[in-house]
Amino acid sequence: MRRLRGQRRAEADDRLRARGAEEEAELALLAQFMRHDSVVSLANAIAGRTGVISGDLIAAAGLDRRRANS
């Protein structure tokens, strides 16, 4: 019985840690987005770090590159 309770507590702790990590990642992404003046600028910054093509990022997000500058 003790083992089961401890196991449940550990699973709950793991879920809380995962949720916290997701929130941190979302806040970091928001901060990064706010530093850039357009979606294209952000895509270029991400592409520079990851080695992908910025146009591919914009297309994967379902955005029109011509409208992404505004």
C-alpha atoms as a PDB file:
ATOM      1  CA  MET A   1       0.000   0.000   0.000  1.00  0.00           C
ATOM      2  CA  ARG A   2       2.795   2.418   0.861  1.00  0.00           C
ATOM      3  CA  ARG A   3       4.503   1.676  -2.403  1.00  0.00           C
ATOM      4  CA  LEU A   4       1.333   2.473  -4.345  1.00  0.00           C
ATOM      5  CA  ARG A   5       0.893   5.811  -2.561  1.00  0.00           C
ATOM      6  CA  GLY A   6       4.515   6.708  -3.146  1.00  0.00           C
ATOM      7  CA  GLN A   7       4.198   5.729  -6.766  1.00  0.00           C
ATOM      8  CA  ARG A   8       1.126   7.937  -7.231  1.00  0.00           C
ATOM      9  CA  ARG A   9       2.882  10.839  -5.538  1.00  0.00           C
ATOM     10  CA  ALA A  10       5.913  10.390  -7.798  1.00  0.00           C
ATOM     11  CA  GLU A  11       3.673  10.326 -10.884  1.00  0.00           C
ATOM     12  CA  ALA A  12       1.932  13.516  -9.733  1.00  0.00           C
ATOM     13  CA  ASP A  13       5.305  15.165  -9.122  1.00  0.00           C
ATOM     14  CA  ASP A  14       6.443  14.154 -12.614  1.00  0.00           C
ATOM     15  CA  ARG A  15       3.316  15.693 -14.130  1.00  0.00           C
ATOM     16  CA  LEU A  16       3.858  18.933 -12.223  1.00  0.00           C
ATOM     17  CA  ARG A  17       7.485  19.116 -13.348  1.00  0.00           C
ATOM     18  CA  ALA A  18       6.470  18.490 -16.961  1.00  0.00           C
ATOM     19  CA  ARG A  19       3.786  21.174 -16.768  1.00  0.00           C
ATOM     20  CA  GLY A  20       6.297  23.613 -15.267  1.00  0.00           C
ATOM     21  CA  ALA A  21       8.775  22.894 -18.050  1.00  0.00           C
ATOM     22  CA  GLU A  22       6.076  23.467 -20.682  1.00  0.00           C
ATOM     23  CA  GLU A  23       5.127  26.790 -19.104  1.00  0.00           C
ATOM     24  CA  GLU A  24       8.781  27.870 -19.010  1.00  0.00           C
ATOM     25  CA  ALA A  25       9.170  26.996 -22.689  1.00  0.00           C
ATOM     26  CA  GLU A  26       6.008  28.923 -23.592  1.00  0.00           C
ATOM     27  CA  LEU A  27       7.170  31.988 -21.654  1.00  0.00           C
ATOM     28  CA  ALA A  28      10.592  31.823 -23.314  1.00  0.00           C
ATOM     29  CA  LEU A  29       8.933  31.634 -26.724  1.00  0.00           C
ATOM     30  CA  LEU A  30       6.674  34.588 -25.886  1.00  0.00           C
ATOM     31  CA  ALA A  31       9.674  36.642 -24.737  1.00  0.00           C
ATOM     32  CA  GLN A  32      11.522  35.786 -27.922  1.00  0.00           C
ATOM     33  CA  PHE A  33       8.507  36.696 -30.052  1.00  0.00           C
ATOM     34  CA  MET A  34       8.163  40.056 -28.333  1.00  0.00           C
ATOM     35  CA  ARG A  35      11.809  40.916 -29.108  1.00  0.00           C
ATOM     36  CA  HIS A  36      11.135  40.607 -32.838  1.00  0.00           C
ATOM     37  CA  ASP A  37       9.064  43.037 -34.869  1.00  0.00           C
ATOM     38  CA  SER A  38       7.568  40.463 -37.248  1.00  0.00           C
ATOM     39  CA  VAL A  39       6.943  36.781 -37.732  1.00  0.00           C
ATOM     40  CA  VAL A  40       9.566  36.747 -40.477  1.00  0.00           C
ATOM     41  CA  SER A  41      12.152  38.245 -38.115  1.00  0.00           C
ATOM     42  CA  LEU A  42      11.359  35.592 -35.511  1.00  0.00           C
ATOM     43  CA  ALA A  43      11.460  32.814 -38.124  1.00  0.00           C
ATOM     44  CA  ASN A  44      14.853  34.052 -39.310  1.00  0.00           C
ATOM     45  CA  ALA A  45      16.199  34.019 -35.729  1.00  0.00           C
ATOM     46  CA  ILE A  46      14.911  30.488 -35.118  1.00  0.00           C
ATOM     47  CA  ALA A  47      16.223  29.320 -38.485  1.00  0.00           C
ATOM     48  CA  GLY A  48      19.647  30.740 -37.697  1.00  0.00           C
ATOM     49  CA  ARG A  49      19.822  28.708 -34.487  1.00  0.00           C
ATOM     50  CA  THR A  50      18.363  25.469 -35.796  1.00  0.00           C
ATOM     51  CA  GLY A  51      19.653  25.366 -39.354  1.00  0.00           C
ATOM     52  CA  VAL A  52      16.233  25.157 -41.012  1.00  0.00           C
ATOM     53  CA  ILE A  53      14.939  27.520 -43.692  1.00  0.00           C
ATOM     54  CA  SER A  54      12.829  30.370 -42.281  1.00  0.00           C
ATOM     55  CA  GLY A  55      10.362  30.102 -45.164  1.00  0.00           C
ATOM     56  CA  ASP A  56       9.778  26.478 -44.234  1.00  0.00           C
ATOM     57  CA  LEU A  57       8.970  27.503 -40.655  1.00  0.00           C
ATOM     58  CA  ILE A  58       6.457  30.075 -41.861  1.00  0.00           C
ATOM     59  CA  ALA A  59       4.877  27.588 -44.252  1.00  0.00           C
ATOM     60  CA  ALA A  60       4.719  24.896 -41.554  1.00  0.00           C
ATOM     61  CA  ALA A  61       2.871  27.372 -39.334  1.00  0.00           C
ATOM     62  CA  GLY A  62       0.341  27.881 -42.110  1.00  0.00           C
ATOM     63  CA  LEU A  63       1.211  31.554 -42.589  1.00  0.00           C
ATOM     64  CA  ASP A  64       1.436  33.501 -45.826  1.00  0.00           C
ATOM     65  CA  ARG A  65       4.981  34.918 -46.026  1.00  0.00           C
ATOM     66  CA  ARG A  66       3.713  38.093 -47.717  1.00  0.00           C
ATOM     67  CA  ARG A  67       1.342  38.799 -44.826  1.00  0.00           C
ATOM     68  CA  ALA A  68       3.712  37.629 -42.070  1.00  0.00           C
ATOM     69  CA  ASN A  69       5.637  40.917 -42.189  1.00  0.00           C
ATOM     70  CA  SER A  70       2.686  42.916 -40.951  1.00  0.00           C
END
